[in-house]
PDB file of all heavy atoms in Angstrom:
ATOM      1  N   CYS A   1     -49.417  78.278 -33.245  1.00  0.00           N
ATOM      2  CA  CYS A   1     -48.874  77.026 -32.730  1.00  0.00           C
ATOM      3  C   CYS A   1     -47.651  76.603 -33.529  1.00  0.00           C
ATOM      4  O   CYS A   1     -47.503  76.936 -34.704  1.00  0.00           O
ATOM      5  CB  CYS A   1     -49.917  75.912 -32.751  1.00  0.00           C
ATOM      6  SG  CYS A   1     -50.279  75.246 -34.409  1.00  0.00           S
ATOM      7  N   MET A   2     -46.772  75.861 -32.866  1.00  0.00           N
ATOM      8  CA  MET A   2     -45.679  75.166 -33.532  1.00  0.00           C
ATOM      9  C   MET A   2     -46.128  73.732 -33.755  1.00  0.00           C
ATOM     10  O   MET A   2     -46.604  73.081 -32.830  1.00  0.00           O
ATOM     11  CB  MET A   2     -44.413  75.203 -32.664  1.00  0.00           C
ATOM     12  CG  MET A   2     -43.769  76.571 -32.602  1.00  0.00           C
ATOM     13  SD  MET A   2     -42.450  76.652 -31.371  1.00  0.00           S
ATOM     14  CE  MET A   2     -41.520  75.177 -31.799  1.00  0.00           C
ATOM     15  N   SER A   3     -45.971  73.256 -34.982  1.00  0.00           N
ATOM     16  CA  SER A   3     -46.553  71.974 -35.350  1.00  0.00           C
ATOM     17  C   SER A   3     -45.697  71.289 -36.396  1.00  0.00           C
ATOM     18  O   SER A   3     -44.877  71.922 -37.067  1.00  0.00           O
ATOM     19  CB  SER A   3     -47.972  72.193 -35.897  1.00  0.00           C
ATOM     20  OG  SER A   3     -48.529  71.014 -36.442  1.00  0.00           O
ATOM     21  N   THR A   4     -45.899  69.978 -36.529  1.00  0.00           N
ATOM     22  CA  THR A   4     -45.266  69.237 -37.620  1.00  0.00           C
ATOM     23  C   THR A   4     -46.117  69.279 -38.881  1.00  0.00           C
ATOM     24  O   THR A   4     -45.692  68.794 -39.927  1.00  0.00           O
ATOM     25  CB  THR A   4     -45.052  67.770 -37.216  1.00  0.00           C
ATOM     26  OG1 THR A   4     -46.310  67.212 -36.790  1.00  0.00           O
ATOM     27  CG2 THR A   4     -44.040  67.658 -36.076  1.00  0.00           C
ATOM     28  N   VAL A   5     -47.322  69.839 -38.786  1.00  0.00           N
ATOM     29  CA  VAL A   5     -48.222  69.933 -39.940  1.00  0.00           C
ATOM     30  C   VAL A   5     -47.739  71.073 -40.837  1.00  0.00           C
ATOM     31  O   VAL A   5     -47.504  72.190 -40.374  1.00  0.00           O
ATOM     32  CB  VAL A   5     -49.670  70.186 -39.493  1.00  0.00           C
ATOM     33  CG1 VAL A   5     -50.582  70.356 -40.703  1.00  0.00           C
ATOM     34  CG2 VAL A   5     -50.143  69.042 -38.612  1.00  0.00           C
ATOM     35  N   ALA A   6     -47.585  70.797 -42.118  1.00  0.00           N
ATOM     36  CA  ALA A   6     -47.072  71.795 -43.053  1.00  0.00           C
ATOM     37  C   ALA A   6     -48.175  72.608 -43.712  1.00  0.00           C
ATOM     38  O   ALA A   6     -47.931  73.724 -44.169  1.00  0.00           O
ATOM     39  CB  ALA A   6     -46.228  71.120 -44.136  1.00  0.00           C
ATOM     40  N   GLU A   7     -49.397  72.077 -43.766  1.00  0.00           N
ATOM     41  CA  GLU A   7     -50.489  72.734 -44.479  1.00  0.00           C
ATOM     42  C   GLU A   7     -51.223  73.694 -43.565  1.00  0.00           C
ATOM     43  O   GLU A   7     -51.566  73.341 -42.426  1.00  0.00           O
ATOM     44  CB  GLU A   7     -51.462  71.695 -45.034  1.00  0.00           C
ATOM     45  CG  GLU A   7     -52.586  72.275 -45.865  1.00  0.00           C
ATOM     46  CD  GLU A   7     -53.481  71.197 -46.443  1.00  0.00           C
ATOM     47  OE1 GLU A   7     -53.130  70.016 -46.339  1.00  0.00           O
ATOM     48  OE2 GLU A   7     -54.542  71.554 -46.996  1.00  0.00           O
ATOM     49  N   ALA A   8     -51.487  74.898 -44.038  1.00  0.00           N
ATOM     50  CA  ALA A   8     -52.155  75.923 -43.231  1.00  0.00           C
ATOM     51  C   ALA A   8     -53.662  75.704 -43.224  1.00  0.00           C
ATOM     52  O   ALA A   8     -54.254  75.280 -44.219  1.00  0.00           O
ATOM     53  CB  ALA A   8     -51.839  77.310 -43.771  1.00  0.00           C
ATOM     54  N   LEU A   9     -54.292  76.000 -42.068  1.00  0.00           N
ATOM     55  CA  LEU A   9     -55.737  76.044 -42.005  1.00  0.00           C
ATOM     56  C   LEU A   9     -56.246  77.248 -42.788  1.00  0.00           C
ATOM     57  O   LEU A   9     -55.524  78.236 -42.976  1.00  0.00           O
ATOM     58  CB  LEU A   9     -56.192  76.173 -40.549  1.00  0.00           C
ATOM     59  CG  LEU A   9     -55.957  74.988 -39.609  1.00  0.00           C
ATOM     60  CD1 LEU A   9     -56.288  75.389 -38.187  1.00  0.00           C
ATOM     61  CD2 LEU A   9     -56.811  73.800 -40.033  1.00  0.00           C
ATOM     62  N   GLN A  10     -57.500  77.192 -43.218  1.00  0.00           N
ATOM     63  CA  GLN A  10     -58.097  78.343 -43.880  1.00  0.00           C
ATOM     64  C   GLN A  10     -58.122  79.524 -42.912  1.00  0.00           C
ATOM     65  O   GLN A  10     -58.572  79.398 -41.768  1.00  0.00           O
ATOM     66  CB  GLN A  10     -59.513  78.016 -44.346  1.00  0.00           C
ATOM     67  CG  GLN A  10     -60.164  79.131 -45.141  1.00  0.00           C
ATOM     68  CD  GLN A  10     -61.533  78.735 -45.670  1.00  0.00           C
ATOM     69  OE1 GLN A  10     -61.983  77.625 -45.485  1.00  0.00           O
ATOM     70  NE2 GLN A  10     -62.193  79.671 -46.341  1.00  0.00           N
ATOM     71  N   GLY A  11     -57.637  80.674 -43.362  1.00  0.00           N
ATOM     72  CA  GLY A  11     -57.572  81.841 -42.507  1.00  0.00           C
ATOM     73  C   GLY A  11     -56.282  81.956 -41.721  1.00  0.00           C
ATOM     74  O   GLY A  11     -56.094  82.903 -40.962  1.00  0.00           O
ATOM     75  N   CYS A  12     -55.383  80.982 -41.904  1.00  0.00           N
ATOM     76  CA  CYS A  12     -54.090  80.996 -41.209  1.00  0.00           C
ATOM     77  C   CYS A  12     -52.964  81.080 -42.224  1.00  0.00           C
ATOM     78  O   CYS A  12     -53.152  80.840 -43.411  1.00  0.00           O
ATOM     79  CB  CYS A  12     -53.904  79.725 -40.376  1.00  0.00           C
ATOM     80  SG  CYS A  12     -54.988  79.614 -38.947  1.00  0.00           S
ATOM     81  N   ARG A  13     -51.799  81.412 -41.736  1.00  0.00           N
ATOM     82  CA  ARG A  13     -50.606  81.313 -42.560  1.00  0.00           C
ATOM     83  C   ARG A  13     -49.577  80.472 -41.827  1.00  0.00           C
ATOM     84  O   ARG A  13     -49.608  80.350 -40.599  1.00  0.00           O
ATOM     85  CB  ARG A  13     -50.057  82.683 -42.923  1.00  0.00           C
ATOM     86  CG  ARG A  13     -49.458  83.504 -41.805  1.00  0.00           C
ATOM     87  CD  ARG A  13     -48.702  84.685 -42.426  1.00  0.00           C
ATOM     88  NE  ARG A  13     -48.084  85.529 -41.433  1.00  0.00           N
ATOM     89  CZ  ARG A  13     -48.612  86.665 -40.983  1.00  0.00           C
ATOM     90  NH1 ARG A  13     -49.784  87.047 -41.425  1.00  0.00           N
ATOM     91  NH2 ARG A  13     -47.971  87.391 -40.083  1.00  0.00           N
ATOM     92  N   VAL A  14     -48.657  79.897 -42.587  1.00  0.00           N
ATOM     93  CA  VAL A  14     -47.689  78.960 -42.033  1.00  0.00           C
ATOM     94  C   VAL A  14     -46.296  79.348 -42.490  1.00  0.00           C
ATOM     95  O   VAL A  14     -46.113  79.867 -43.599  1.00  0.00           O
ATOM     96  CB  VAL A  14     -48.027  77.509 -42.456  1.00  0.00           C
ATOM     97  CG1 VAL A  14     -47.987  77.351 -43.962  1.00  0.00           C
ATOM     98  CG2 VAL A  14     -47.090  76.513 -41.792  1.00  0.00           C
ATOM     99  N   GLN A  15     -45.310  79.103 -41.632  1.00  0.00           N
ATOM    100  CA  GLN A  15     -43.914  79.398 -41.930  1.00  0.00           C
ATOM    101  C   GLN A  15     -43.048  78.253 -41.426  1.00  0.00           C
ATOM    102  O   GLN A  15     -43.202  77.810 -40.282  1.00  0.00           O
ATOM    103  CB  GLN A  15     -43.489  80.706 -41.246  1.00  0.00           C
ATOM    104  CG  GLN A  15     -42.031  81.083 -41.478  1.00  0.00           C
ATOM    105  CD  GLN A  15     -41.674  82.391 -40.795  1.00  0.00           C
ATOM    106  OE1 GLN A  15     -42.474  82.963 -40.055  1.00  0.00           O
ATOM    107  NE2 GLN A  15     -40.470  82.881 -41.028  1.00  0.00           N
ATOM    108  N   ALA A  16     -42.149  77.768 -42.257  1.00  0.00           N
ATOM    109  CA  ALA A  16     -41.226  76.720 -41.832  1.00  0.00           C
ATOM    110  C   ALA A  16     -40.223  77.296 -40.841  1.00  0.00           C
ATOM    111  O   ALA A  16     -39.661  78.371 -41.064  1.00  0.00           O
ATOM    112  CB  ALA A  16     -40.502  76.131 -43.041  1.00  0.00           C
ATOM    113  N   LEU A  17     -40.002  76.592 -39.726  1.00  0.00           N
ATOM    114  CA  LEU A  17     -39.056  77.036 -38.703  1.00  0.00           C
ATOM    115  C   LEU A  17     -37.700  76.353 -38.831  1.00  0.00           C
ATOM    116  O   LEU A  17     -36.658  76.973 -38.656  1.00  0.00           O
ATOM    117  CB  LEU A  17     -39.635  76.777 -37.309  1.00  0.00           C
ATOM    118  CG  LEU A  17     -40.874  77.587 -36.919  1.00  0.00           C
ATOM    119  CD1 LEU A  17     -41.385  77.136 -35.556  1.00  0.00           C
ATOM    120  CD2 LEU A  17     -40.572  79.072 -36.915  1.00  0.00           C
ATOM    121  N   GLY A  18     -37.708  75.067 -39.081  1.00  0.00           N
ATOM    122  CA  GLY A  18     -36.461  74.316 -39.147  1.00  0.00           C
ATOM    123  C   GLY A  18     -36.697  72.888 -38.701  1.00  0.00           C
ATOM    124  O   GLY A  18     -37.840  72.445 -38.528  1.00  0.00           O
ATOM    125  N   VAL A  19     -35.617  72.173 -38.486  1.00  0.00           N
ATOM    126  CA  VAL A  19     -35.686  70.754 -38.160  1.00  0.00           C
ATOM    127  C   VAL A  19     -35.002  70.502 -36.824  1.00  0.00           C
ATOM    128  O   VAL A  19     -33.865  70.925 -36.611  1.00  0.00           O
ATOM    129  CB  VAL A  19     -35.017  69.901 -39.256  1.00  0.00           C
ATOM    130  CG1 VAL A  19     -34.954  68.437 -38.846  1.00  0.00           C
ATOM    131  CG2 VAL A  19     -35.785  70.047 -40.566  1.00  0.00           C
ATOM    132  N   MET A  20     -35.717  69.820 -35.924  1.00  0.00           N
ATOM    133  CA  MET A  20     -35.112  69.339 -34.683  1.00  0.00           C
ATOM    134  C   MET A  20     -34.698  67.889 -34.900  1.00  0.00           C
ATOM    135  O   MET A  20     -35.516  67.056 -35.289  1.00  0.00           O
ATOM    136  CB  MET A  20     -36.078  69.434 -33.507  1.00  0.00           C
ATOM    137  CG  MET A  20     -36.317  70.835 -33.007  1.00  0.00           C
ATOM    138  SD  MET A  20     -37.181  70.901 -31.405  1.00  0.00           S
ATOM    139  CE  MET A  20     -35.865  70.433 -30.282  1.00  0.00           C
ATOM    140  N   ARG A  21     -33.434  67.613 -34.663  1.00  0.00           N
ATOM    141  CA  ARG A  21     -32.916  66.255 -34.844  1.00  0.00           C
ATOM    142  C   ARG A  21     -32.883  65.539 -33.503  1.00  0.00           C
ATOM    143  O   ARG A  21     -32.342  66.049 -32.521  1.00  0.00           O
ATOM    144  CB  ARG A  21     -31.526  66.283 -35.466  1.00  0.00           C
ATOM    145  CG  ARG A  21     -30.983  64.896 -35.812  1.00  0.00           C
ATOM    146  CD  ARG A  21     -29.719  65.004 -36.645  1.00  0.00           C
ATOM    147  NE  ARG A  21     -29.171  63.710 -36.997  1.00  0.00           N
ATOM    148  CZ  ARG A  21     -29.597  62.945 -38.009  1.00  0.00           C
ATOM    149  NH1 ARG A  21     -30.584  63.377 -38.766  1.00  0.00           N
ATOM    150  NH2 ARG A  21     -29.043  61.779 -38.280  1.00  0.00           N
ATOM    151  N   TYR A  22     -33.476  64.357 -33.454  1.00  0.00           N
ATOM    152  CA  TYR A  22     -33.524  63.541 -32.247  1.00  0.00           C
ATOM    153  C   TYR A  22     -32.533  62.383 -32.378  1.00  0.00           C
ATOM    154  O   TYR A  22     -32.495  61.706 -33.405  1.00  0.00           O
ATOM    155  CB  TYR A  22     -34.932  62.993 -32.019  1.00  0.00           C
ATOM    156  CG  TYR A  22     -35.913  64.036 -31.535  1.00  0.00           C
ATOM    157  CD1 TYR A  22     -36.370  65.034 -32.394  1.00  0.00           C
ATOM    158  CD2 TYR A  22     -36.375  64.033 -30.232  1.00  0.00           C
ATOM    159  CE1 TYR A  22     -37.254  66.002 -31.953  1.00  0.00           C
ATOM    160  CE2 TYR A  22     -37.270  65.002 -29.784  1.00  0.00           C
ATOM    161  CZ  TYR A  22     -37.713  65.979 -30.655  1.00  0.00           C
ATOM    162  OH  TYR A  22     -38.585  66.940 -30.216  1.00  0.00           O
ATOM    163  N   VAL A  23     -31.733  62.187 -31.325  1.00  0.00           N
ATOM    164  CA  VAL A  23     -30.720  61.142 -31.332  1.00  0.00           C
ATOM    165  C   VAL A  23     -30.910  60.251 -30.101  1.00  0.00           C
ATOM    166  O   VAL A  23     -31.504  60.669 -29.108  1.00  0.00           O
ATOM    167  CB  VAL A  23     -29.297  61.737 -31.338  1.00  0.00           C
ATOM    168  CG1 VAL A  23     -29.039  62.502 -32.628  1.00  0.00           C
ATOM    169  CG2 VAL A  23     -29.081  62.640 -30.120  1.00  0.00           C
ATOM    170  N   ALA A  24     -30.400  59.032 -30.183  1.00  0.00           N
ATOM    171  CA  ALA A  24     -30.501  58.086 -29.070  1.00  0.00           C
ATOM    172  C   ALA A  24     -29.282  58.232 -28.167  1.00  0.00           C
ATOM    173  O   ALA A  24     -28.147  58.306 -28.639  1.00  0.00           O
ATOM    174  CB  ALA A  24     -30.601  56.660 -29.597  1.00  0.00           C
ATOM    175  N   VAL A  25     -29.537  58.272 -26.862  1.00  0.00           N
ATOM    176  CA  VAL A  25     -28.459  58.420 -25.880  1.00  0.00           C
ATOM    177  C   VAL A  25     -28.727  57.511 -24.683  1.00  0.00           C
ATOM    178  O   VAL A  25     -29.864  57.113 -24.417  1.00  0.00           O
ATOM    179  CB  VAL A  25     -28.336  59.880 -25.392  1.00  0.00           C
ATOM    180  CG1 VAL A  25     -27.851  60.799 -26.497  1.00  0.00           C
ATOM    181  CG2 VAL A  25     -29.665  60.382 -24.828  1.00  0.00           C
ATOM    182  N   ALA A  26     -27.661  57.206 -23.973  1.00  0.00           N
ATOM    183  CA  ALA A  26     -27.754  56.451 -22.718  1.00  0.00           C
ATOM    184  C   ALA A  26     -26.545  56.802 -21.874  1.00  0.00           C
ATOM    185  O   ALA A  26     -25.533  57.300 -22.383  1.00  0.00           O
ATOM    186  CB  ALA A  26     -27.830  54.950 -22.974  1.00  0.00           C
ATOM    187  N   SER A  27     -26.639  56.542 -20.578  1.00  0.00           N
ATOM    188  CA  SER A  27     -25.515  56.842 -19.697  1.00  0.00           C
ATOM    189  C   SER A  27     -24.447  55.761 -19.833  1.00  0.00           C
ATOM    190  O   SER A  27     -24.748  54.600 -20.158  1.00  0.00           O
ATOM    191  CB  SER A  27     -25.985  56.908 -18.246  1.00  0.00           C
ATOM    192  OG  SER A  27     -26.332  55.606 -17.767  1.00  0.00           O
ATOM    193  N   PRO A  28     -23.180  56.097 -19.583  1.00  0.00           N
ATOM    194  CA  PRO A  28     -22.108  55.084 -19.627  1.00  0.00           C
ATOM    195  C   PRO A  28     -22.380  53.921 -18.682  1.00  0.00           C
ATOM    196  O   PRO A  28     -22.136  52.757 -19.025  1.00  0.00           O
ATOM    197  CB  PRO A  28     -20.864  55.867 -19.218  1.00  0.00           C
ATOM    198  CG  PRO A  28     -21.165  57.280 -19.574  1.00  0.00           C
ATOM    199  CD  PRO A  28     -22.637  57.449 -19.332  1.00  0.00           C
ATOM    200  N   GLY A  29     -22.916  54.214 -17.490  1.00  0.00           N
ATOM    201  CA  GLY A  29     -23.209  53.148 -16.539  1.00  0.00           C
ATOM    202  C   GLY A  29     -24.290  52.210 -17.034  1.00  0.00           C
ATOM    203  O   GLY A  29     -24.194  50.983 -16.867  1.00  0.00           O
ATOM    204  N   PHE A  30     -25.336  52.772 -17.666  1.00  0.00           N
ATOM    205  CA  PHE A  30     -26.413  51.936 -18.200  1.00  0.00           C
ATOM    206  C   PHE A  30     -25.877  51.040 -19.311  1.00  0.00           C
ATOM    207  O   PHE A  30     -26.206  49.844 -19.370  1.00  0.00           O
ATOM    208  CB  PHE A  30     -27.537  52.818 -18.733  1.00  0.00           C
ATOM    209  CG  PHE A  30     -28.677  52.052 -19.354  1.00  0.00           C
ATOM    210  CD1 PHE A  30     -29.689  51.541 -18.574  1.00  0.00           C
ATOM    211  CD2 PHE A  30     -28.728  51.828 -20.729  1.00  0.00           C
ATOM    212  CE1 PHE A  30     -30.736  50.825 -19.143  1.00  0.00           C
ATOM    213  CE2 PHE A  30     -29.766  51.115 -21.302  1.00  0.00           C
ATOM    214  CZ  PHE A  30     -30.771  50.615 -20.508  1.00  0.00           C
ATOM    215  N   LEU A  31     -25.047  51.594 -20.169  1.00  0.00           N
ATOM    216  CA  LEU A  31     -24.493  50.798 -21.268  1.00  0.00           C
ATOM    217  C   LEU A  31     -23.616  49.669 -20.739  1.00  0.00           C
ATOM    218  O   LEU A  31     -23.674  48.536 -21.236  1.00  0.00           O
ATOM    219  CB  LEU A  31     -23.699  51.693 -22.215  1.00  0.00           C
ATOM    220  CG  LEU A  31     -24.510  52.731 -23.004  1.00  0.00           C
ATOM    221  CD1 LEU A  31     -23.586  53.626 -23.815  1.00  0.00           C
ATOM    222  CD2 LEU A  31     -25.514  52.033 -23.919  1.00  0.00           C
ATOM    223  N   ALA A  32     -22.794  49.965 -19.729  1.00  0.00           N
ATOM    224  CA  ALA A  32     -21.902  48.934 -19.180  1.00  0.00           C
ATOM    225  C   ALA A  32     -22.693  47.817 -18.514  1.00  0.00           C
ATOM    226  O   ALA A  32     -22.354  46.636 -18.643  1.00  0.00           O
ATOM    227  CB  ALA A  32     -20.935  49.567 -18.187  1.00  0.00           C
ATOM    228  N   ALA A  33     -23.780  48.179 -17.818  1.00  0.00           N
ATOM    229  CA  ALA A  33     -24.534  47.175 -17.071  1.00  0.00           C
ATOM    230  C   ALA A  33     -25.559  46.439 -17.925  1.00  0.00           C
ATOM    231  O   ALA A  33     -25.748  45.227 -17.768  1.00  0.00           O
ATOM    232  CB  ALA A  33     -25.241  47.841 -15.886  1.00  0.00           C
ATOM    233  N   GLN A  34     -26.218  47.164 -18.842  1.00  0.00           N
ATOM    234  CA  GLN A  34     -27.337  46.585 -19.582  1.00  0.00           C
ATOM    235  C   GLN A  34     -27.017  46.246 -21.033  1.00  0.00           C
ATOM    236  O   GLN A  34     -27.600  45.310 -21.592  1.00  0.00           O
ATOM    237  CB  GLN A  34     -28.525  47.568 -19.560  1.00  0.00           C
ATOM    238  CG  GLN A  34     -28.993  47.965 -18.177  1.00  0.00           C
ATOM    239  CD  GLN A  34     -29.631  46.811 -17.438  1.00  0.00           C
ATOM    240  OE1 GLN A  34     -30.248  45.935 -18.047  1.00  0.00           O
ATOM    241  NE2 GLN A  34     -29.489  46.797 -16.124  1.00  0.00           N
ATOM    242  N   LEU A  35     -26.092  46.970 -21.633  1.00  0.00           N
ATOM    243  CA  LEU A  35     -25.805  46.777 -23.061  1.00  0.00           C
ATOM    244  C   LEU A  35     -24.293  46.705 -23.290  1.00  0.00           C
ATOM    245  O   LEU A  35     -23.729  47.519 -24.028  1.00  0.00           O
ATOM    246  CB  LEU A  35     -26.412  47.921 -23.877  1.00  0.00           C
ATOM    247  CG  LEU A  35     -27.933  48.089 -23.826  1.00  0.00           C
ATOM    248  CD1 LEU A  35     -28.338  49.393 -24.504  1.00  0.00           C
ATOM    249  CD2 LEU A  35     -28.641  46.897 -24.464  1.00  0.00           C
ATOM    250  N   PRO A  36     -23.619  45.737 -22.689  1.00  0.00           N
ATOM    251  CA  PRO A  36     -22.161  45.665 -22.863  1.00  0.00           C
ATOM    252  C   PRO A  36     -21.737  45.436 -24.317  1.00  0.00           C
ATOM    253  O   PRO A  36     -20.631  45.822 -24.702  1.00  0.00           O
ATOM    254  CB  PRO A  36     -21.757  44.485 -21.975  1.00  0.00           C
ATOM    255  CG  PRO A  36     -23.002  43.666 -21.826  1.00  0.00           C
ATOM    256  CD  PRO A  36     -24.131  44.654 -21.834  1.00  0.00           C
ATOM    257  N   GLU A  37     -22.622  44.831 -25.108  1.00  0.00           N
ATOM    258  CA  GLU A  37     -22.322  44.611 -26.517  1.00  0.00           C
ATOM    259  C   GLU A  37     -22.962  45.669 -27.410  1.00  0.00           C
ATOM    260  O   GLU A  37     -22.914  45.559 -28.637  1.00  0.00           O
ATOM    261  CB  GLU A  37     -22.801  43.222 -26.949  1.00  0.00           C
ATOM    262  CG  GLU A  37     -22.125  42.075 -26.181  1.00  0.00           C
ATOM    263  CD  GLU A  37     -22.651  40.718 -26.614  1.00  0.00           C
ATOM    264  OE1 GLU A  37     -23.555  40.689 -27.472  1.00  0.00           O
ATOM    265  OE2 GLU A  37     -22.163  39.705 -26.100  1.00  0.00           O
ATOM    266  N   GLY A  38     -23.541  46.702 -26.789  1.00  0.00           N
ATOM    267  CA  GLY A  38     -24.199  47.744 -27.543  1.00  0.00           C
ATOM    268  C   GLY A  38     -25.652  47.417 -27.838  1.00  0.00           C
ATOM    269  O   GLY A  38     -26.114  46.289 -27.619  1.00  0.00           O
ATOM    270  N   LEU A  39     -26.375  48.389 -28.324  1.00  0.00           N
ATOM    271  CA  LEU A  39     -27.774  48.202 -28.701  1.00  0.00           C
ATOM    272  C   LEU A  39     -27.828  47.674 -30.123  1.00  0.00           C
ATOM    273  O   LEU A  39     -27.245  48.256 -31.042  1.00  0.00           O
ATOM    274  CB  LEU A  39     -28.519  49.538 -28.600  1.00  0.00           C
ATOM    275  CG  LEU A  39     -30.025  49.514 -28.852  1.00  0.00           C
ATOM    276  CD1 LEU A  39     -30.752  48.733 -27.765  1.00  0.00           C
ATOM    277  CD2 LEU A  39     -30.577  50.952 -28.923  1.00  0.00           C
ATOM    278  N   HIS A  40     -28.544  46.580 -30.335  1.00  0.00           N
ATOM    279  CA  HIS A  40     -28.616  45.992 -31.666  1.00  0.00           C
ATOM    280  C   HIS A  40     -29.978  45.356 -31.884  1.00  0.00           C
ATOM    281  O   HIS A  40     -30.843  45.354 -30.984  1.00  0.00           O
ATOM    282  CB  HIS A  40     -27.482  44.973 -31.892  1.00  0.00           C
ATOM    283  CG  HIS A  40     -27.381  43.926 -30.819  1.00  0.00           C
ATOM    284  ND1 HIS A  40     -28.259  42.889 -30.715  1.00  0.00           N
ATOM    285  CD2 HIS A  40     -26.486  43.781 -29.794  1.00  0.00           C
ATOM    286  CE1 HIS A  40     -27.934  42.123 -29.691  1.00  0.00           C
ATOM    287  NE2 HIS A  40     -26.852  42.647 -29.109  1.00  0.00           N
ATOM    288  N   ALA A  41     -30.176  44.804 -33.060  1.00  0.00           N
ATOM    289  CA  ALA A  41     -31.478  44.258 -33.430  1.00  0.00           C
ATOM    290  C   ALA A  41     -31.913  43.115 -32.533  1.00  0.00           C
ATOM    291  O   ALA A  41     -33.110  42.851 -32.392  1.00  0.00           O
ATOM    292  CB  ALA A  41     -31.454  43.794 -34.892  1.00  0.00           C
TER     293      ALA A  41
END
């Protein structure tokens, strides 16, 4: 399995694969209609 868990189960071995970076996105139309001042607190 691919997992975020770093510790191996007994009888298993584990190998680091890398990091997937997640970013926030929206369509230009959604931003113009719903967030004209941008997303903020």
